[in-house]
Amino acid sequence: MNTRTTSPTQLITTAVAASLLILTAAVGALRVCELRTVAAPARAPQTVNVAGNESAERHLQSLLMRGSQLRDAGRYQEARPLLDEALALAENSFGSDSRETAVALNQLGMLGKYDGHFDEAEAAYERALRITENTVGLDNELAASLFHNLGGLEHTRGRFAAGEPYARRSVEIRERLLGPDHPDTAADVAALAALLDRQQKYAEAEDLYRRALSVFERAYGPEHYDIAVNLNNLAAVYQATGRGEQAEQLYLRALRMKEKLLGPDHPDVAMTMNNLAVFYKSQGRFAEAAKLYIRALATFERTLEPGHPKLVTCRENYEKLLREMNEVVAKN
């Protein structure tokens, strides 16, 4: 994890991902679109002294950094009080309509998307977007990040068509500002692809996933979190379009990469385990599917609240598998 010093405005993020998981109508696969953080342009810091002679700017930076690190590690309950404190500090020190407040709101929106508090996430993103529009307008990277996140939230809720205009807006802004081959643009392209493939617009979605992967691989090399996420998503498109062998290869590659980068007990790893289990079940490979569901459930139960959509859906998938296995045994 890069912990270099940055200003809070540099912590404006797209959805790291915000874990986008919805059952597909055809195969019941969970999708994930966890997109990388991107920095907004920095500006000269304002300094307001707080306890210990630490400026408000520096204290805010520390809270946001620690909170985002805990969120990215799947430690959501520990992240929330830090990000709540960051929002209060931003409002009190810089004003309720400041860019610093928009930064903190965006981070809280990301957390809400991760931990299943979707209404809170929406309110945070929308307030941050209003602040951005009123302070610097909507033709900038900050606005692109917020459009990206709002589109991702619609994906999480299963409102794919509603999310598409947000995603296209973020791509349009970022391409104009950074060009088509920048990793931040690729993150927006991948988010748009996720919304399209859930509308069964598979050809366009596949093209966009491939475009994003090409940029990420040029920028980061063969192994990176963004690459793992988009391999998982491309595998789901292959599965939906009947290319089972290619889908399995990509799921396995994504799983190995995530385990290496995040460790075996991260909820993002469990997401890909679930997706691979869904694939194995569709192929009649019940024993392999069951092992993966058990591992995924154990991780979700350790890291998520009991009613979180990821945990609920994975448990339902596993219970359905067990029923079908019992039916097979009964017939024999």
Protein backbone atom coordinates (compact mmCIF):
# COMPACT_ATOMS: atom_id res chain seq x y z
CA MET A 1 0.00 0.00 0.00
CA ASN A 2 1.42 3.34 -1.01
CA THR A 3 1.40 5.65 2.00
CA ARG A 4 3.20 8.62 0.50
CA THR A 5 2.12 12.06 1.66
CA THR A 6 -0.71 13.56 -0.37
CA SER A 7 -3.20 16.32 0.23
CA PRO A 8 -6.82 15.36 0.93
CA THR A 9 -7.86 16.62 -2.50
CA GLN A 10 -5.55 14.00 -3.97
CA LEU A 11 -7.58 11.33 -2.20
CA ILE A 12 -10.66 11.88 -4.38
CA THR A 13 -11.42 8.39 -5.55
CA THR A 14 -13.37 6.39 -8.00
CA ALA A 15 -14.92 3.29 -6.54
CA VAL A 16 -12.11 1.00 -5.52
CA ALA A 17 -14.50 -0.82 -5.81
CA ALA A 18 -16.82 -0.94 -4.67
CA SER A 19 -17.97 -4.36 -4.76
CA LEU A 20 -20.62 -4.72 -7.43
CA LEU A 21 -22.32 -8.05 -6.98
CA ILE A 22 -25.65 -9.00 -8.51
CA LEU A 23 -27.05 -12.36 -9.59
CA THR A 24 -27.28 -12.76 -13.33
CA ALA A 25 -30.63 -13.93 -14.52
CA ALA A 26 -29.15 -16.71 -16.60
CA VAL A 27 -26.51 -18.31 -14.43
CA GLY A 28 -26.70 -16.68 -11.00
CA ALA A 29 -23.14 -15.40 -11.16
CA LEU A 30 -21.97 -12.67 -8.86
CA ARG A 31 -20.22 -9.85 -10.66
CA VAL A 32 -17.62 -7.59 -9.17
CA CYS A 33 -16.44 -4.26 -10.48
CA GLU A 34 -13.93 -2.99 -7.96
CA LEU A 35 -12.19 -0.07 -9.56
CA ARG A 36 -9.03 1.64 -8.56
CA THR A 37 -8.62 4.91 -6.71
CA VAL A 38 -7.61 7.96 -8.75
CA ALA A 39 -6.30 11.30 -7.55
CA ALA A 40 -7.94 14.65 -8.11
CA PRO A 41 -5.70 17.63 -8.85
CA ALA A 42 -4.12 19.00 -5.71
CA ARG A 43 -4.31 22.61 -4.61
CA ALA A 44 -2.46 24.66 -2.06
CA PRO A 45 -3.47 23.50 1.43
CA GLN A 46 -5.23 25.67 3.97
CA THR A 47 -3.81 25.34 7.45
CA VAL A 48 -5.79 25.53 10.67
CA ASN A 49 -4.08 24.55 13.88
CA VAL A 50 -5.54 21.72 15.97
CA ALA A 51 -4.28 19.81 19.03
CA GLY A 52 -0.60 19.03 19.00
CA ASN A 53 0.17 21.87 16.55
CA GLU A 54 -0.93 19.64 13.68
CA SER A 55 -2.66 21.46 10.88
CA ALA A 56 -6.21 20.50 10.03
CA GLU A 57 -5.01 19.71 6.51
CA ARG A 58 -2.48 17.19 7.73
CA HIS A 59 -4.83 15.67 10.27
CA LEU A 60 -7.54 15.30 7.64
CA GLN A 61 -5.06 13.65 5.30
CA SER A 62 -4.10 11.16 8.00
CA LEU A 63 -7.70 10.25 8.81
CA LEU A 64 -8.62 9.77 5.16
CA MET A 65 -5.54 7.69 4.44
CA ARG A 66 -6.01 5.39 7.42
CA GLY A 67 -9.73 5.06 6.82
CA SER A 68 -9.27 4.21 3.14
CA GLN A 69 -6.54 1.68 3.95
CA LEU A 70 -8.82 -0.10 6.43
CA ARG A 71 -11.67 -0.05 3.90
CA ASP A 72 -9.47 -1.48 1.16
CA ALA A 73 -8.35 -4.22 3.58
CA GLY A 74 -11.99 -5.20 4.16
CA ARG A 75 -12.02 -3.84 7.74
CA TYR A 76 -15.13 -1.79 7.25
CA GLN A 77 -16.25 -1.35 10.85
CA GLU A 78 -12.85 0.04 11.78
CA ALA A 79 -12.81 2.39 8.81
CA ARG A 80 -16.14 4.09 9.51
CA PRO A 81 -15.28 6.08 12.68
CA LEU A 82 -12.12 7.42 11.04
CA LEU A 83 -13.98 8.57 7.95
CA ASP A 84 -16.81 10.03 10.04
CA GLU A 85 -14.21 11.98 11.99
CA ALA A 86 -12.62 13.14 8.74
CA LEU A 87 -15.96 14.50 7.51
CA ALA A 88 -16.56 16.38 10.78
CA LEU A 89 -13.05 17.85 10.65
CA ALA A 90 -13.45 18.93 7.02
CA GLU A 91 -16.77 20.63 7.72
CA ASN A 92 -15.57 22.40 10.85
CA SER A 93 -12.17 23.49 9.52
CA PHE A 94 -12.84 24.20 5.83
CA GLY A 95 -16.60 24.64 5.59
CA SER A 96 -19.53 22.41 4.78
CA ASP A 97 -19.31 23.30 1.07
CA SER A 98 -15.53 22.94 0.67
CA ARG A 99 -13.61 20.58 -1.60
CA GLU A 100 -12.16 18.97 1.51
CA THR A 101 -15.69 18.10 2.60
CA ALA A 102 -16.39 16.65 -0.85
CA VAL A 103 -13.28 14.47 -0.48
CA ALA A 104 -14.46 13.07 2.85
CA LEU A 105 -17.98 12.52 1.52
CA ASN A 106 -16.64 10.57 -1.44
CA GLN A 107 -14.62 8.32 0.84
CA LEU A 108 -17.68 7.69 3.02
CA GLY A 109 -19.71 6.95 -0.10
CA MET A 110 -17.18 4.32 -1.12
CA LEU A 111 -17.36 2.74 2.33
CA GLY A 112 -21.16 2.66 2.20
CA LYS A 113 -20.99 0.90 -1.13
CA TYR A 114 -18.60 -1.69 0.27
CA ASP A 115 -20.41 -2.40 3.52
CA GLY A 116 -23.94 -2.40 2.14
CA HIS A 117 -25.21 1.02 3.32
CA PHE A 118 -26.31 2.06 -0.14
CA ASP A 119 -28.68 4.90 0.79
CA GLU A 120 -25.93 6.55 2.85
CA ALA A 121 -23.51 6.13 -0.03
CA GLU A 122 -25.92 7.77 -2.47
CA ALA A 123 -26.49 10.73 -0.16
CA ALA A 124 -22.75 11.21 0.31
CA TYR A 125 -21.96 11.03 -3.41
CA GLU A 126 -24.78 13.39 -4.38
CA ARG A 127 -23.81 15.96 -1.76
CA ALA A 128 -20.18 15.77 -2.89
CA LEU A 129 -21.28 16.29 -6.50
CA ARG A 130 -23.33 19.37 -5.55
CA ILE A 131 -20.34 20.85 -3.73
CA THR A 132 -18.11 20.13 -6.73
CA GLU A 133 -20.54 21.72 -9.17
CA ASN A 134 -20.83 24.84 -7.02
CA THR A 135 -17.09 25.24 -6.41
CA VAL A 136 -15.24 24.11 -9.54
CA GLY A 137 -17.91 22.95 -11.98
CA LEU A 138 -18.36 19.52 -13.54
CA ASP A 139 -15.66 19.46 -16.20
CA ASN A 140 -12.83 18.11 -14.02
CA GLU A 141 -11.43 14.89 -12.59
CA LEU A 142 -13.23 15.35 -9.28
CA ALA A 143 -16.59 15.36 -11.05
CA ALA A 144 -15.55 12.41 -13.23
CA SER A 145 -14.77 10.38 -10.12
CA LEU A 146 -18.13 11.15 -8.58
CA PHE A 147 -20.04 10.31 -11.77
CA HIS A 148 -18.07 7.05 -11.85
CA ASN A 149 -19.08 6.24 -8.28
CA LEU A 150 -22.74 7.10 -8.79
CA GLY A 151 -22.83 4.80 -11.80
CA GLY A 152 -21.18 2.07 -9.78
CA LEU A 153 -23.73 2.47 -7.01
CA GLU A 154 -26.56 2.02 -9.50
CA HIS A 155 -24.83 -1.17 -10.65
CA THR A 156 -24.69 -2.40 -7.07
CA ARG A 157 -28.41 -1.86 -6.70
CA GLY A 158 -29.18 -3.64 -9.95
CA ARG A 159 -30.27 -0.46 -11.75
CA PHE A 160 -27.92 -0.94 -14.67
CA ALA A 161 -29.63 1.27 -17.25
CA ALA A 162 -29.85 4.10 -14.72
CA GLY A 163 -26.14 3.84 -14.03
CA GLU A 164 -25.04 3.88 -17.68
CA PRO A 165 -25.37 7.69 -18.22
CA TYR A 166 -23.21 8.36 -15.15
CA ALA A 167 -20.53 5.99 -16.40
CA ARG A 168 -20.55 7.44 -19.91
CA ARG A 169 -20.21 10.94 -18.43
CA SER A 170 -17.16 9.92 -16.42
CA VAL A 171 -15.50 8.35 -19.49
CA GLU A 172 -16.24 11.44 -21.57
CA ILE A 173 -14.71 13.82 -19.01
CA ARG A 174 -11.65 11.72 -18.28
CA GLU A 175 -10.86 11.01 -21.95
CA ARG A 176 -10.93 14.73 -22.66
CA LEU A 177 -8.73 15.59 -19.67
CA LEU A 178 -6.28 12.65 -19.62
CA GLY A 179 -6.61 10.87 -22.96
CA PRO A 180 -7.86 7.36 -23.75
CA ASP A 181 -4.74 5.51 -22.57
CA HIS A 182 -4.53 6.79 -19.00
CA PRO A 183 -5.20 4.24 -16.20
CA ASP A 184 -7.83 6.53 -14.65
CA THR A 185 -9.69 6.59 -17.96
CA ALA A 186 -9.39 2.81 -18.14
CA ALA A 187 -11.01 2.56 -14.71
CA ASP A 188 -14.00 4.52 -16.01
CA VAL A 189 -14.13 2.38 -19.15
CA ALA A 190 -14.20 -0.79 -17.03
CA ALA A 191 -17.03 0.61 -14.90
CA LEU A 192 -19.06 1.34 -18.03
CA ALA A 193 -18.39 -2.19 -19.28
CA ALA A 194 -19.79 -3.64 -16.05
CA LEU A 195 -23.06 -1.75 -16.51
CA LEU A 196 -23.34 -2.78 -20.15
CA ASP A 197 -22.71 -6.47 -19.60
CA ARG A 198 -25.46 -6.56 -16.96
CA GLN A 199 -27.80 -5.23 -19.64
CA GLN A 200 -26.64 -8.13 -21.85
CA LYS A 201 -24.79 -5.75 -24.17
CA TYR A 202 -22.00 -8.30 -24.21
CA ALA A 203 -20.17 -7.29 -27.38
CA GLU A 204 -19.62 -3.69 -26.29
CA ALA A 205 -18.84 -4.77 -22.73
CA GLU A 206 -16.21 -7.25 -23.89
CA ASP A 207 -14.54 -4.66 -26.10
CA LEU A 208 -14.39 -2.20 -23.21
CA TYR A 209 -13.03 -4.78 -20.74
CA ARG A 210 -10.31 -5.68 -23.22
CA ARG A 211 -9.49 -2.02 -23.76
CA ALA A 212 -9.20 -1.43 -20.00
CA LEU A 213 -7.07 -4.53 -19.50
CA SER A 214 -4.70 -3.43 -22.25
CA VAL A 215 -4.17 -0.06 -20.57
CA PHE A 216 -3.72 -1.59 -17.12
CA GLU A 217 -1.22 -4.18 -18.35
CA ARG A 218 0.84 -1.50 -20.11
CA ALA A 219 0.78 0.70 -17.02
CA TYR A 220 1.28 -1.90 -14.28
CA GLY A 221 2.68 -5.06 -15.80
CA PRO A 222 1.07 -8.53 -15.67
CA GLU A 223 -0.10 -8.49 -12.02
CA HIS A 224 -2.19 -5.76 -10.43
CA TYR A 225 -5.46 -5.53 -8.56
CA ASP A 226 -7.20 -3.74 -11.44
CA ILE A 227 -6.12 -6.52 -13.80
CA ALA A 228 -7.48 -9.21 -11.48
CA VAL A 229 -10.84 -7.47 -11.17
CA ASN A 230 -11.26 -7.06 -14.91
CA LEU A 231 -10.18 -10.62 -15.62
CA ASN A 232 -12.97 -11.72 -13.28
CA ASN A 233 -15.46 -9.50 -15.08
CA LEU A 234 -14.36 -10.62 -18.54
CA ALA A 235 -14.65 -14.23 -17.38
CA ALA A 236 -18.27 -13.56 -16.47
CA VAL A 237 -18.92 -12.27 -20.00
CA TYR A 238 -17.31 -15.39 -21.45
CA GLN A 239 -19.49 -17.52 -19.19
CA ALA A 240 -22.65 -15.67 -20.22
CA THR A 241 -21.80 -16.10 -23.90
CA GLY A 242 -21.05 -19.81 -23.71
CA ARG A 243 -17.24 -19.79 -23.70
CA GLY A 244 -16.80 -21.96 -20.64
CA GLU A 245 -13.18 -23.01 -21.05
CA GLN A 246 -12.00 -19.43 -21.50
CA ALA A 247 -14.14 -18.30 -18.56
CA GLU A 248 -12.60 -20.87 -16.23
CA GLN A 249 -9.07 -19.88 -17.22
CA LEU A 250 -9.74 -16.22 -16.48
CA TYR A 251 -11.52 -16.91 -13.19
CA LEU A 252 -8.59 -19.01 -12.00
CA ARG A 253 -6.07 -16.41 -13.08
CA ALA A 254 -8.04 -13.68 -11.32
CA LEU A 255 -8.35 -15.77 -8.15
CA ARG A 256 -4.62 -16.54 -7.99
CA MET A 257 -3.76 -12.88 -8.55
CA LYS A 258 -6.17 -11.63 -5.89
CA GLU A 259 -4.93 -14.16 -3.34
CA LYS A 260 -1.36 -13.06 -3.98
CA LEU A 261 -2.14 -9.35 -3.79
CA LEU A 262 -4.76 -9.27 -1.03
CA GLY A 263 -4.25 -12.46 0.94
CA PRO A 264 -6.62 -15.45 1.05
CA ASP A 265 -9.11 -13.98 3.54
CA HIS A 266 -10.10 -10.75 1.79
CA PRO A 267 -13.77 -10.33 0.75
CA ASP A 268 -12.70 -9.51 -2.81
CA VAL A 269 -11.03 -12.92 -3.01
CA ALA A 270 -14.25 -14.49 -1.74
CA MET A 271 -16.15 -12.75 -4.54
CA THR A 272 -14.10 -14.47 -7.21
CA MET A 273 -14.38 -17.78 -5.33
CA ASN A 274 -18.14 -17.39 -5.47
CA ASN A 275 -18.08 -16.58 -9.17
CA LEU A 276 -15.91 -19.59 -9.92
CA ALA A 277 -18.22 -21.76 -7.81
CA VAL A 278 -21.22 -20.55 -9.82
CA PHE A 279 -19.36 -21.50 -12.98
CA TYR A 280 -18.46 -24.97 -11.66
CA LYS A 281 -22.07 -25.57 -10.64
CA SER A 282 -23.24 -24.65 -14.14
CA GLN A 283 -20.83 -27.30 -15.46
CA GLY A 284 -22.12 -29.97 -13.05
CA ARG A 285 -18.87 -29.91 -11.04
CA PHE A 286 -20.69 -29.84 -7.72
CA ALA A 287 -17.91 -30.94 -5.38
CA GLU A 288 -15.54 -28.24 -6.65
CA ALA A 289 -18.29 -25.65 -6.37
CA ALA A 290 -19.10 -26.66 -2.79
CA LYS A 291 -15.50 -26.28 -1.64
CA LEU A 292 -15.33 -22.76 -3.04
CA TYR A 293 -18.68 -21.72 -1.57
CA ILE A 294 -17.58 -22.93 1.87
CA ARG A 295 -14.36 -20.90 1.67
CA ALA A 296 -16.15 -17.81 0.38
CA LEU A 297 -18.83 -17.99 3.06
CA ALA A 298 -16.23 -18.31 5.82
CA THR A 299 -14.53 -15.12 4.59
CA PHE A 300 -17.76 -13.18 4.18
CA GLU A 301 -18.96 -14.22 7.64
CA ARG A 302 -15.72 -12.98 9.21
CA THR A 303 -15.61 -9.66 7.39
CA LEU A 304 -19.21 -8.56 6.65
CA GLU A 305 -22.34 -7.82 8.61
CA PRO A 306 -24.90 -10.68 8.67
CA GLY A 307 -27.30 -9.01 6.24
CA HIS A 308 -24.75 -7.85 3.69
CA PRO A 309 -25.88 -8.63 0.11
CA LYS A 310 -22.63 -10.47 -0.71
CA LEU A 311 -23.00 -12.81 2.24
CA VAL A 312 -26.72 -13.35 1.69
CA THR A 313 -26.33 -14.12 -2.00
CA CYS A 314 -23.37 -16.44 -1.52
CA ARG A 315 -25.24 -18.36 1.17
CA GLU A 316 -28.27 -18.67 -1.09
CA ASN A 317 -26.05 -19.96 -3.89
CA TYR A 318 -24.54 -22.58 -1.58
CA GLU A 319 -27.91 -23.68 -0.21
CA LYS A 320 -29.25 -24.07 -3.74
CA LEU A 321 -26.24 -26.18 -4.64
CA LEU A 322 -26.81 -28.43 -1.60
CA ARG A 323 -30.45 -28.95 -2.56
CA GLU A 324 -29.48 -29.94 -6.08
CA MET A 325 -26.77 -32.30 -4.79
CA ASN A 326 -29.32 -33.94 -2.48
CA GLU A 327 -31.74 -34.34 -5.39
CA VAL A 328 -29.04 -36.11 -7.41
CA VAL A 329 -28.30 -38.45 -4.52
CA ALA A 330 -32.01 -39.18 -4.05
CA LYS A 331 -32.45 -40.08 -7.70
CA ASN A 332 -29.58 -42.55 -7.50
